[in-house]
């Protein structure tokens, strides 16, 4: 997941974060919400990107006469890489969201 998108997502949701913290959400709860959103984006991106990449690889490989083999292990590795990349990219904005002061969140939102 693009880090700038996550930062925008956090800055757009400051009021929501402040409300969750005001009613008792812990820092770890907020952190897990944003990290799970990053992970879901990585899963979707990994599956769709892997499918598109494999399909294009097969089409182009057939066009130029290069045999392409697609394996389930490779697809799993693509998805795992996409999830890890998304979660790592979302870690800093998630940390910032988790440590946001509720009063400051309401003031900004």
PDB file of N, CA and C in Angstrom:
ATOM      1  N   UNK A   1       0.842  -1.166   0.000  1.00  0.00           N
ATOM      2  CA  UNK A   1       0.000   0.000   0.000  1.00  0.00           C
ATOM      3  C   UNK A   1       0.880   1.219   0.000  1.00  0.00           C
ATOM      4  N   UNK A   2       0.472   2.219  -0.772  1.00  0.00           N
ATOM      5  CA  UNK A   2       1.208   3.451  -0.879  1.00  0.00           C
ATOM      6  C   UNK A   2       1.142   4.192   0.456  1.00  0.00           C
ATOM      7  N   UNK A   3       2.308   4.588   0.987  1.00  0.00           N
ATOM      8  CA  UNK A   3       2.367   5.247   2.286  1.00  0.00           C
ATOM      9  C   UNK A   3       1.631   6.578   2.282  1.00  0.00           C
ATOM     10  N   UNK A   4       1.708   7.333   1.183  1.00  0.00           N
ATOM     11  CA  UNK A   4       1.027   8.625   1.152  1.00  0.00           C
ATOM     12  C   UNK A   4      -0.482   8.431   1.234  1.00  0.00           C
ATOM     13  N   UNK A   5      -0.995   7.355   0.666  1.00  0.00           N
ATOM     14  CA  UNK A   5      -2.423   7.083   0.735  1.00  0.00           C
ATOM     15  C   UNK A   5      -2.835   6.783   2.168  1.00  0.00           C
ATOM     16  N   UNK A   6      -2.006   6.028   2.876  1.00  0.00           N
ATOM     17  CA  UNK A   6      -2.334   5.708   4.260  1.00  0.00           C
ATOM     18  C   UNK A   6      -2.279   6.963   5.111  1.00  0.00           C
ATOM     19  N   UNK A   7      -1.298   7.824   4.886  1.00  0.00           N
ATOM     20  CA  UNK A   7      -1.213   9.067   5.649  1.00  0.00           C
ATOM     21  C   UNK A   7      -2.449   9.918   5.413  1.00  0.00           C
ATOM     22  N   UNK A   8      -2.892   9.989   4.167  1.00  0.00           N
ATOM     23  CA  UNK A   8      -4.104  10.735   3.860  1.00  0.00           C
ATOM     24  C   UNK A   8      -5.288  10.091   4.560  1.00  0.00           C
ATOM     25  N   UNK A   9      -5.323   8.770   4.558  1.00  0.00           N
ATOM     26  CA  UNK A   9      -6.417   8.045   5.209  1.00  0.00           C
ATOM     27  C   UNK A   9      -6.447   8.367   6.702  1.00  0.00           C
ATOM     28  N   UNK A  10      -5.309   8.405   7.342  1.00  0.00           N
ATOM     29  CA  UNK A  10      -5.241   8.722   8.770  1.00  0.00           C
ATOM     30  C   UNK A  10      -5.660  10.167   9.004  1.00  0.00           C
ATOM     31  N   UNK A  11      -5.158  11.089   8.181  1.00  0.00           N
ATOM     32  CA  UNK A  11      -5.495  12.499   8.402  1.00  0.00           C
ATOM     33  C   UNK A  11      -6.965  12.779   8.120  1.00  0.00           C
ATOM     34  N   UNK A  12      -7.578  12.014   7.208  1.00  0.00           N
ATOM     35  CA  UNK A  12      -9.002  12.195   6.939  1.00  0.00           C
ATOM     36  C   UNK A  12      -9.878  11.574   8.024  1.00  0.00           C
ATOM     37  N   UNK A  13      -9.320  10.665   8.793  1.00  0.00           N
ATOM     38  CA  UNK A  13     -10.113   9.944   9.786  1.00  0.00           C
ATOM     39  C   UNK A  13      -9.762  10.340  11.213  1.00  0.00           C
ATOM     40  N   UNK A  14      -9.206  11.531  11.405  1.00  0.00           N
ATOM     41  CA  UNK A  14      -8.805  11.935  12.751  1.00  0.00           C
ATOM     42  C   UNK A  14      -9.991  12.014  13.701  1.00  0.00           C
ATOM     43  N   UNK A  15     -11.124  12.491  13.218  1.00  0.00           N
ATOM     44  CA  UNK A  15     -12.300  12.592  14.086  1.00  0.00           C
ATOM     45  C   UNK A  15     -12.778  11.198  14.500  1.00  0.00           C
ATOM     46  N   UNK A  16     -12.757  10.270  13.560  1.00  0.00           N
ATOM     47  CA  UNK A  16     -13.147   8.887  13.861  1.00  0.00           C
ATOM     48  C   UNK A  16     -12.188   8.262  14.878  1.00  0.00           C
ATOM     49  N   UNK A  17     -10.890   8.506  14.692  1.00  0.00           N
ATOM     50  CA  UNK A  17      -9.892   7.985  15.631  1.00  0.00           C
ATOM     51  C   UNK A  17     -10.098   8.597  17.006  1.00  0.00           C
ATOM     52  N   UNK A  18     -10.346   9.909  17.052  1.00  0.00           N
ATOM     53  CA  UNK A  18     -10.593  10.584  18.323  1.00  0.00           C
ATOM     54  C   UNK A  18     -11.817  10.034  19.023  1.00  0.00           C
ATOM     55  N   UNK A  19     -12.881   9.754  18.263  1.00  0.00           N
ATOM     56  CA  UNK A  19     -14.099   9.188  18.854  1.00  0.00           C
ATOM     57  C   UNK A  19     -13.826   7.802  19.425  1.00  0.00           C
ATOM     58  N   UNK A  20     -13.109   6.969  18.662  1.00  0.00           N
ATOM     59  CA  UNK A  20     -12.801   5.624  19.161  1.00  0.00           C
ATOM     60  C   UNK A  20     -11.974   5.687  20.439  1.00  0.00           C
ATOM     61  N   UNK A  21     -10.995   6.585  20.479  1.00  0.00           N
ATOM     62  CA  UNK A  21     -10.162   6.703  21.675  1.00  0.00           C
ATOM     63  C   UNK A  21     -10.950   7.283  22.844  1.00  0.00           C
ATOM     64  N   UNK A  22     -11.878   8.206  22.554  1.00  0.00           N
ATOM     65  CA  UNK A  22     -12.675   8.815  23.618  1.00  0.00           C
ATOM     66  C   UNK A  22     -13.615   7.803  24.269  1.00  0.00           C
ATOM     67  N   UNK A  23     -14.066   6.802  23.525  1.00  0.00           N
ATOM     68  CA  UNK A  23     -14.962   5.797  24.107  1.00  0.00           C
ATOM     69  C   UNK A  23     -14.213   4.574  24.617  1.00  0.00           C
ATOM     70  N   UNK A  24     -12.880   4.644  24.617  1.00  0.00           N
ATOM     71  CA  UNK A  24     -12.117   3.600  25.288  1.00  0.00           C
ATOM     72  C   UNK A  24     -11.229   2.717  24.436  1.00  0.00           C
ATOM     73  N   UNK A  25     -11.090   3.008  23.151  1.00  0.00           N
ATOM     74  CA  UNK A  25     -10.197   2.195  22.316  1.00  0.00           C
ATOM     75  C   UNK A  25      -8.748   2.430  22.755  1.00  0.00           C
ATOM     76  N   UNK A  26      -8.004   1.355  22.833  1.00  0.00           N
ATOM     77  CA  UNK A  26      -6.598   1.446  23.217  1.00  0.00           C
ATOM     78  C   UNK A  26      -5.757   1.706  21.971  1.00  0.00           C
ATOM     79  N   UNK A  27      -4.523   2.126  22.197  1.00  0.00           N
ATOM     80  CA  UNK A  27      -3.612   2.379  21.078  1.00  0.00           C
ATOM     81  C   UNK A  27      -3.446   1.149  20.198  1.00  0.00           C
ATOM     82  N   UNK A  28      -3.346  -0.007  20.829  1.00  0.00           N
ATOM     83  CA  UNK A  28      -3.154  -1.235  20.062  1.00  0.00           C
ATOM     84  C   UNK A  28      -4.386  -1.540  19.195  1.00  0.00           C
ATOM     85  N   UNK A  29      -5.572  -1.175  19.660  1.00  0.00           N
ATOM     86  CA  UNK A  29      -6.781  -1.379  18.860  1.00  0.00           C
ATOM     87  C   UNK A  29      -6.728  -0.553  17.575  1.00  0.00           C
ATOM     88  N   UNK A  30      -6.357   0.703  17.702  1.00  0.00           N
ATOM     89  CA  UNK A  30      -6.261   1.591  16.542  1.00  0.00           C
ATOM     90  C   UNK A  30      -5.165   1.094  15.603  1.00  0.00           C
ATOM     91  N   UNK A  31      -4.031   0.706  16.179  1.00  0.00           N
ATOM     92  CA  UNK A  31      -2.920   0.193  15.382  1.00  0.00           C
ATOM     93  C   UNK A  31      -3.350  -1.026  14.574  1.00  0.00           C
ATOM     94  N   UNK A  32      -4.048  -1.950  15.211  1.00  0.00           N
ATOM     95  CA  UNK A  32      -4.486  -3.163  14.515  1.00  0.00           C
ATOM     96  C   UNK A  32      -5.524  -2.876  13.439  1.00  0.00           C
ATOM     97  N   UNK A  33      -6.366  -1.876  13.652  1.00  0.00           N
ATOM     98  CA  UNK A  33      -7.353  -1.509  12.628  1.00  0.00           C
ATOM     99  C   UNK A  33      -6.642  -1.069  11.354  1.00  0.00           C
ATOM    100  N   UNK A  34      -5.682  -0.166  11.492  1.00  0.00           N
ATOM    101  CA  UNK A  34      -4.998   0.349  10.308  1.00  0.00           C
ATOM    102  C   UNK A  34      -4.081  -0.692   9.681  1.00  0.00           C
ATOM    103  N   UNK A  35      -3.428  -1.510  10.492  1.00  0.00           N
ATOM    104  CA  UNK A  35      -2.579  -2.559   9.929  1.00  0.00           C
ATOM    105  C   UNK A  35      -3.404  -3.628   9.219  1.00  0.00           C
ATOM    106  N   UNK A  36      -4.585  -3.942   9.758  1.00  0.00           N
ATOM    107  CA  UNK A  36      -5.433  -4.925   9.081  1.00  0.00           C
ATOM    108  C   UNK A  36      -5.957  -4.375   7.762  1.00  0.00           C
ATOM    109  N   UNK A  37      -6.271  -3.075   7.720  1.00  0.00           N
ATOM    110  CA  UNK A  37      -6.683  -2.474   6.452  1.00  0.00           C
ATOM    111  C   UNK A  37      -5.556  -2.555   5.425  1.00  0.00           C
ATOM    112  N   UNK A  38      -4.333  -2.327   5.868  1.00  0.00           N
ATOM    113  CA  UNK A  38      -3.190  -2.459   4.970  1.00  0.00           C
ATOM    114  C   UNK A  38      -3.039  -3.897   4.488  1.00  0.00           C
ATOM    115  N   UNK A  39      -3.227  -4.832   5.397  1.00  0.00           N
ATOM    116  CA  UNK A  39      -3.125  -6.246   5.025  1.00  0.00           C
ATOM    117  C   UNK A  39      -4.191  -6.667   4.029  1.00  0.00           C
ATOM    118  N   UNK A  40      -5.422  -6.190   4.237  1.00  0.00           N
ATOM    119  CA  UNK A  40      -6.496  -6.522   3.289  1.00  0.00           C
ATOM    120  C   UNK A  40      -6.199  -5.950   1.907  1.00  0.00           C
ATOM    121  N   UNK A  41      -5.668  -4.753   1.875  1.00  0.00           N
ATOM    122  CA  UNK A  41      -5.299  -4.158   0.596  1.00  0.00           C
ATOM    123  C   UNK A  41      -4.198  -4.979  -0.067  1.00  0.00           C
ATOM    124  N   UNK A  42      -3.256  -5.454   0.715  1.00  0.00           N
ATOM    125  CA  UNK A  42      -2.187  -6.294   0.178  1.00  0.00           C
ATOM    126  C   UNK A  42      -2.696  -7.609  -0.360  1.00  0.00           C
ATOM    127  N   UNK A  43      -3.655  -8.216   0.330  1.00  0.00           N
ATOM    128  CA  UNK A  43      -4.228  -9.480  -0.152  1.00  0.00           C
ATOM    129  C   UNK A  43      -4.934  -9.255  -1.486  1.00  0.00           C
ATOM    130  N   UNK A  44      -5.757  -8.224  -1.549  1.00  0.00           N
ATOM    131  CA  UNK A  44      -6.480  -7.933  -2.795  1.00  0.00           C
ATOM    132  C   UNK A  44      -5.500  -7.606  -3.919  1.00  0.00           C
ATOM    133  N   UNK A  45      -4.525  -6.767  -3.621  1.00  0.00           N
ATOM    134  CA  UNK A  45      -3.530  -6.404  -4.626  1.00  0.00           C
ATOM    135  C   UNK A  45      -2.686  -7.580  -5.072  1.00  0.00           C
ATOM    136  N   UNK A  46      -2.345  -8.455  -4.135  1.00  0.00           N
ATOM    137  CA  UNK A  46      -1.549  -9.639  -4.477  1.00  0.00           C
ATOM    138  C   UNK A  46      -2.306 -10.596  -5.377  1.00  0.00           C
ATOM    139  N   UNK A  47      -3.564 -10.853  -5.039  1.00  0.00           N
ATOM    140  CA  UNK A  47      -4.363 -11.752  -5.874  1.00  0.00           C
ATOM    141  C   UNK A  47      -4.607 -11.155  -7.258  1.00  0.00           C
ATOM    142  N   UNK A  48      -5.053  -9.899  -7.289  1.00  0.00           N
ATOM    143  CA  UNK A  48      -5.346  -9.277  -8.579  1.00  0.00           C
ATOM    144  C   UNK A  48      -4.077  -9.046  -9.400  1.00  0.00           C
ATOM    145  N   UNK A  49      -3.044  -8.558  -8.769  1.00  0.00           N
ATOM    146  CA  UNK A  49      -1.779  -8.339  -9.467  1.00  0.00           C
ATOM    147  C   UNK A  49      -1.156  -9.631  -9.953  1.00  0.00           C
ATOM    148  N   UNK A  50      -1.218 -10.671  -9.120  1.00  0.00           N
ATOM    149  CA  UNK A  50      -0.702 -11.973  -9.540  1.00  0.00           C
ATOM    150  C   UNK A  50      -1.479 -12.532 -10.718  1.00  0.00           C
ATOM    151  N   UNK A  51      -2.802 -12.433 -10.652  1.00  0.00           N
ATOM    152  CA  UNK A  51      -3.633 -12.944 -11.749  1.00  0.00           C
ATOM    153  C   UNK A  51      -3.352 -12.186 -13.040  1.00  0.00           C
ATOM    154  N   UNK A  52      -3.290 -10.865 -12.957  1.00  0.00           N
ATOM    155  CA  UNK A  52      -3.011 -10.067 -14.145  1.00  0.00           C
ATOM    156  C   UNK A  52      -1.608 -10.347 -14.679  1.00  0.00           C
ATOM    157  N   UNK A  53      -0.647 -10.444 -13.790  1.00  0.00           N
ATOM    158  CA  UNK A  53       0.728 -10.729 -14.202  1.00  0.00           C
ATOM    159  C   UNK A  53       0.863 -12.090 -14.852  1.00  0.00           C
ATOM    160  N   UNK A  54       0.227 -13.090 -14.267  1.00  0.00           N
ATOM    161  CA  UNK A  54       0.291 -14.425 -14.861  1.00  0.00           C
ATOM    162  C   UNK A  54      -0.418 -14.459 -16.206  1.00  0.00           C
ATOM    163  N   UNK A  55      -1.581 -13.822 -16.291  1.00  0.00           N
ATOM    164  CA  UNK A  55      -2.331 -13.804 -17.551  1.00  0.00           C
ATOM    165  C   UNK A  55      -1.529 -13.104 -18.645  1.00  0.00           C
ATOM    166  N   UNK A  56      -0.967 -11.936 -18.325  1.00  0.00           N
ATOM    167  CA  UNK A  56      -0.152 -11.228 -19.314  1.00  0.00           C
ATOM    168  C   UNK A  56       1.095 -12.023 -19.680  1.00  0.00           C
ATOM    169  N   UNK A  57       1.690 -12.683 -18.697  1.00  0.00           N
ATOM    170  CA  UNK A  57       2.863 -13.512 -18.964  1.00  0.00           C
ATOM    171  C   UNK A  57       2.551 -14.636 -19.923  1.00  0.00           C
ATOM    172  N   UNK A  58       1.411 -15.277 -19.742  1.00  0.00           N
ATOM    173  CA  UNK A  58       1.014 -16.372 -20.624  1.00  0.00           C
ATOM    174  C   UNK A  58       0.723 -15.846 -22.030  1.00  0.00           C
ATOM    175  N   UNK A  59      -0.030 -14.743 -22.111  1.00  0.00           N
ATOM    176  CA  UNK A  59      -0.371 -14.173 -23.424  1.00  0.00           C
ATOM    177  C   UNK A  59       0.887 -13.734 -24.164  1.00  0.00           C
ATOM    178  N   UNK A  60       1.749 -12.986 -23.500  1.00  0.00           N
ATOM    179  CA  UNK A  60       2.969 -12.502 -24.153  1.00  0.00           C
ATOM    180  C   UNK A  60       3.909 -13.663 -24.445  1.00  0.00           C
ATOM    181  N   UNK A  61       3.996 -14.616 -23.508  1.00  0.00           N
ATOM    182  CA  UNK A  61       4.844 -15.787 -23.734  1.00  0.00           C
ATOM    183  C   UNK A  61       4.397 -16.579 -24.947  1.00  0.00           C
ATOM    184  N   UNK A  62       3.088 -16.763 -25.101  1.00  0.00           N
ATOM    185  CA  UNK A  62       2.580 -17.466 -26.289  1.00  0.00           C
ATOM    186  C   UNK A  62       2.834 -16.661 -27.556  1.00  0.00           C
ATOM    187  N   UNK A  63       2.731 -15.346 -27.457  1.00  0.00           N
ATOM    188  CA  UNK A  63       2.940 -14.478 -28.617  1.00  0.00           C
ATOM    189  C   UNK A  63       4.369 -14.546 -29.130  1.00  0.00           C
ATOM    190  N   UNK A  64       5.329 -14.583 -28.208  1.00  0.00           N
ATOM    191  CA  UNK A  64       6.735 -14.597 -28.627  1.00  0.00           C
ATOM    192  C   UNK A  64       7.322 -16.005 -28.648  1.00  0.00           C
ATOM    193  N   UNK A  65       6.508 -16.993 -28.326  1.00  0.00           N
ATOM    194  CA  UNK A  65       6.977 -18.377 -28.396  1.00  0.00           C
ATOM    195  C   UNK A  65       7.794 -18.821 -27.199  1.00  0.00           C
ATOM    196  N   UNK A  66       7.584 -18.219 -26.062  1.00  0.00           N
ATOM    197  CA  UNK A  66       8.301 -18.570 -24.841  1.00  0.00           C
ATOM    198  C   UNK A  66       7.328 -19.259 -23.892  1.00  0.00           C
ATOM    199  N   UNK A  67       7.570 -20.517 -23.574  1.00  0.00           N
ATOM    200  CA  UNK A  67       6.627 -21.205 -22.681  1.00  0.00           C
ATOM    201  C   UNK A  67       6.706 -20.649 -21.254  1.00  0.00           C
ATOM    202  N   UNK A  68       5.545 -20.419 -20.675  1.00  0.00           N
ATOM    203  CA  UNK A  68       5.453 -19.881 -19.316  1.00  0.00           C
ATOM    204  C   UNK A  68       4.766 -20.916 -18.435  1.00  0.00           C
ATOM    205  N   UNK A  69       5.347 -21.166 -17.274  1.00  0.00           N
ATOM    206  CA  UNK A  69       4.694 -22.074 -16.330  1.00  0.00           C
ATOM    207  C   UNK A  69       4.239 -21.266 -15.114  1.00  0.00           C
ATOM    208  N   UNK A  70       3.017 -21.494 -14.720  1.00  0.00           N
ATOM    209  CA  UNK A  70       2.439 -20.810 -13.570  1.00  0.00           C
ATOM    210  C   UNK A  70       2.258 -21.846 -12.472  1.00  0.00           C
ATOM    211  N   UNK A  71       2.761 -21.523 -11.285  1.00  0.00           N
ATOM    212  CA  UNK A  71       2.625 -22.469 -10.176  1.00  0.00           C
ATOM    213  C   UNK A  71       1.899 -21.811  -9.008  1.00  0.00           C
ATOM    214  N   UNK A  72       1.270 -22.638  -8.224  1.00  0.00           N
ATOM    215  CA  UNK A  72       0.558 -22.145  -7.046  1.00  0.00           C
ATOM    216  C   UNK A  72       1.539 -21.562  -6.029  1.00  0.00           C
ATOM    217  N   UNK A  73       2.730 -22.162  -5.929  1.00  0.00           N
ATOM    218  CA  UNK A  73       3.737 -21.648  -4.989  1.00  0.00           C
ATOM    219  C   UNK A  73       4.144 -20.222  -5.335  1.00  0.00           C
ATOM    220  N   UNK A  74       4.307 -19.953  -6.624  1.00  0.00           N
ATOM    221  CA  UNK A  74       4.679 -18.609  -7.039  1.00  0.00           C
ATOM    222  C   UNK A  74       3.573 -17.626  -6.700  1.00  0.00           C
ATOM    223  N   UNK A  75       2.327 -18.010  -6.926  1.00  0.00           N
ATOM    224  CA  UNK A  75       1.205 -17.122  -6.630  1.00  0.00           C
ATOM    225  C   UNK A  75       1.135 -16.838  -5.117  1.00  0.00           C
ATOM    226  N   UNK A  76       1.354 -17.853  -4.308  1.00  0.00           N
ATOM    227  CA  UNK A  76       1.356 -17.673  -2.854  1.00  0.00           C
ATOM    228  C   UNK A  76       2.460 -16.709  -2.435  1.00  0.00           C
ATOM    229  N   UNK A  77       3.632 -16.855  -3.048  1.00  0.00           N
ATOM    230  CA  UNK A  77       4.738 -15.947  -2.717  1.00  0.00           C
ATOM    231  C   UNK A  77       4.423 -14.512  -3.136  1.00  0.00           C
ATOM    232  N   UNK A  78       3.748 -14.334  -4.277  1.00  0.00           N
ATOM    233  CA  UNK A  78       3.353 -13.001  -4.725  1.00  0.00           C
ATOM    234  C   UNK A  78       2.402 -12.367  -3.718  1.00  0.00           C
ATOM    235  N   UNK A  79       1.422 -13.132  -3.261  1.00  0.00           N
ATOM    236  CA  UNK A  79       0.447 -12.607  -2.300  1.00  0.00           C
ATOM    237  C   UNK A  79       1.129 -12.288  -0.969  1.00  0.00           C
ATOM    238  N   UNK A  80       1.984 -13.164  -0.494  1.00  0.00           N
ATOM    239  CA  UNK A  80       2.698 -12.915   0.767  1.00  0.00           C
ATOM    240  C   UNK A  80       3.559 -11.667   0.655  1.00  0.00           C
ATOM    241  N   UNK A  81       4.257 -11.506  -0.464  1.00  0.00           N
ATOM    242  CA  UNK A  81       5.078 -10.310  -0.662  1.00  0.00           C
ATOM    243  C   UNK A  81       4.219  -9.049  -0.669  1.00  0.00           C
ATOM    244  N   UNK A  82       3.069  -9.111  -1.334  1.00  0.00           N
ATOM    245  CA  UNK A  82       2.180  -7.947  -1.392  1.00  0.00           C
ATOM    246  C   UNK A  82       1.656  -7.596  -0.005  1.00  0.00           C
ATOM    247  N   UNK A  83       1.291  -8.587   0.776  1.00  0.00           N
ATOM    248  CA  UNK A  83       0.783  -8.332   2.135  1.00  0.00           C
ATOM    249  C   UNK A  83       1.884  -7.744   3.014  1.00  0.00           C
ATOM    250  N   UNK A  84       3.058  -8.338   2.978  1.00  0.00           N
ATOM    251  CA  UNK A  84       4.160  -7.824   3.793  1.00  0.00           C
ATOM    252  C   UNK A  84       4.521  -6.393   3.402  1.00  0.00           C
ATOM    253  N   UNK A  85       4.576  -6.129   2.113  1.00  0.00           N
ATOM    254  CA  UNK A  85       4.892  -4.782   1.647  1.00  0.00           C
ATOM    255  C   UNK A  85       3.832  -3.788   2.108  1.00  0.00           C
ATOM    256  N   UNK A  86       2.584  -4.157   2.012  1.00  0.00           N
ATOM    257  CA  UNK A  86       1.495  -3.265   2.421  1.00  0.00           C
ATOM    258  C   UNK A  86       1.522  -2.995   3.918  1.00  0.00           C
ATOM    259  N   UNK A  87       1.749  -4.018   4.707  1.00  0.00           N
ATOM    260  CA  UNK A  87       1.767  -3.848   6.162  1.00  0.00           C
ATOM    261  C   UNK A  87       2.969  -3.009   6.592  1.00  0.00           C
ATOM    262  N   UNK A  88       4.114  -3.230   5.985  1.00  0.00           N
ATOM    263  CA  UNK A  88       5.295  -2.426   6.322  1.00  0.00           C
ATOM    264  C   UNK A  88       5.064  -0.969   5.929  1.00  0.00           C
ATOM    265  N   UNK A  89       4.470  -0.741   4.757  1.00  0.00           N
ATOM    266  CA  UNK A  89       4.202   0.627   4.314  1.00  0.00           C
ATOM    267  C   UNK A  89       3.145   1.304   5.192  1.00  0.00           C
ATOM    268  N   UNK A  90       2.250   0.525   5.771  1.00  0.00           N
ATOM    269  CA  UNK A  90       1.200   1.094   6.611  1.00  0.00           C
ATOM    270  C   UNK A  90       1.556   1.193   8.077  1.00  0.00           C
ATOM    271  N   UNK A  91       2.727   0.709   8.465  1.00  0.00           N
ATOM    272  CA  UNK A  91       3.088   0.672   9.883  1.00  0.00           C
ATOM    273  C   UNK A  91       3.253   2.071  10.479  1.00  0.00           C
ATOM    274  N   UNK A  92       3.960   2.963   9.804  1.00  0.00           N
ATOM    275  CA  UNK A  92       4.197   4.298  10.354  1.00  0.00           C
ATOM    276  C   UNK A  92       2.903   5.100  10.481  1.00  0.00           C
ATOM    277  N   UNK A  93       2.076   5.182   9.446  1.00  0.00           N
ATOM    278  CA  UNK A  93       0.806   5.900   9.615  1.00  0.00           C
ATOM    279  C   UNK A  93      -0.094   5.262  10.677  1.00  0.00           C
ATOM    280  N   UNK A  94      -0.064   3.932  10.781  1.00  0.00           N
ATOM    281  CA  UNK A  94      -0.853   3.264  11.812  1.00  0.00           C
ATOM    282  C   UNK A  94      -0.340   3.638  13.199  1.00  0.00           C
ATOM    283  N   UNK A  95       0.957   3.723  13.339  1.00  0.00           N
ATOM    284  CA  UNK A  95       1.564   4.122  14.615  1.00  0.00           C
ATOM    285  C   UNK A  95       1.169   5.561  14.966  1.00  0.00           C
ATOM    286  N   UNK A  96       1.195   6.435  13.951  1.00  0.00           N
ATOM    287  CA  UNK A  96       0.791   7.824  14.185  1.00  0.00           C
ATOM    288  C   UNK A  96      -0.671   7.905  14.599  1.00  0.00           C
ATOM    289  N   UNK A  97      -1.517   7.118  13.961  1.00  0.00           N
ATOM    290  CA  UNK A  97      -2.945   7.120  14.295  1.00  0.00           C
ATOM    291  C   UNK A  97      -3.170   6.597  15.705  1.00  0.00           C
ATOM    292  N   UNK A  98      -2.437   5.555  16.068  1.00  0.00           N
ATOM    293  CA  UNK A  98      -2.617   4.948  17.386  1.00  0.00           C
ATOM    294  C   UNK A  98      -2.189   5.894  18.502  1.00  0.00           C
ATOM    295  N   UNK A  99      -1.218   6.728  18.240  1.00  0.00           N
ATOM    296  CA  UNK A  99      -0.709   7.624  19.271  1.00  0.00           C
ATOM    297  C   UNK A  99      -1.309   9.023  19.203  1.00  0.00           C
ATOM    298  N   UNK A 100      -2.361   9.192  18.438  1.00  0.00           N
ATOM    299  CA  UNK A 100      -3.032  10.478  18.311  1.00  0.00           C
ATOM    300  C   UNK A 100      -3.803  10.789  19.591  1.00  0.00           C
ATOM    301  N   UNK A 101      -3.642  11.992  20.079  1.00  0.00           N
ATOM    302  CA  UNK A 101      -4.364  12.445  21.270  1.00  0.00           C
ATOM    303  C   UNK A 101      -5.822  12.713  20.886  1.00  0.00           C
ATOM    304  N   UNK A 102      -6.802  12.166  21.631  1.00  0.00           N
ATOM    305  CA  UNK A 102      -8.206  12.350  21.263  1.00  0.00           C
ATOM    306  C   UNK A 102      -8.635  13.814  21.185  1.00  0.00           C
ATOM    307  N   UNK A 103      -8.147  14.638  22.089  1.00  0.00           N
ATOM    308  CA  UNK A 103      -8.517  16.053  22.080  1.00  0.00           C
ATOM    309  C   UNK A 103      -7.961  16.720  20.823  1.00  0.00           C
ATOM    310  N   UNK A 104      -6.717  16.388  20.494  1.00  0.00           N
ATOM    311  CA  UNK A 104      -6.089  16.945  19.294  1.00  0.00           C
ATOM    312  C   UNK A 104      -6.810  16.447  18.027  1.00  0.00           C
ATOM    313  N   UNK A 105      -7.266  15.207  18.065  1.00  0.00           N
ATOM    314  CA  UNK A 105      -7.997  14.651  16.918  1.00  0.00           C
ATOM    315  C   UNK A 105      -9.291  15.413  16.686  1.00  0.00           C
ATOM    316  N   UNK A 106     -10.011  15.733  17.735  1.00  0.00           N
ATOM    317  CA  UNK A 106     -11.243  16.500  17.579  1.00  0.00           C
ATOM    318  C   UNK A 106     -10.965  17.923  17.122  1.00  0.00           C
ATOM    319  N   UNK A 107      -9.858  18.470  17.582  1.00  0.00           N
ATOM    320  CA  UNK A 107      -9.489  19.824  17.179  1.00  0.00           C
ATOM    321  C   UNK A 107      -9.132  19.874  15.694  1.00  0.00           C
ATOM    322  N   UNK A 108      -8.421  18.834  15.197  1.00  0.00           N
ATOM    323  CA  UNK A 108      -8.034  18.787  13.784  1.00  0.00           C
ATOM    324  C   UNK A 108      -9.218  18.422  12.893  1.00  0.00           C
ATOM    325  N   UNK A 109     -10.057  17.507  13.361  1.00  0.00           N
ATOM    326  CA  UNK A 109     -11.149  16.986  12.554  1.00  0.00           C
ATOM    327  C   UNK A 109     -12.235  17.971  12.425  1.00  0.00           C
TER     328      UNK A 109
END
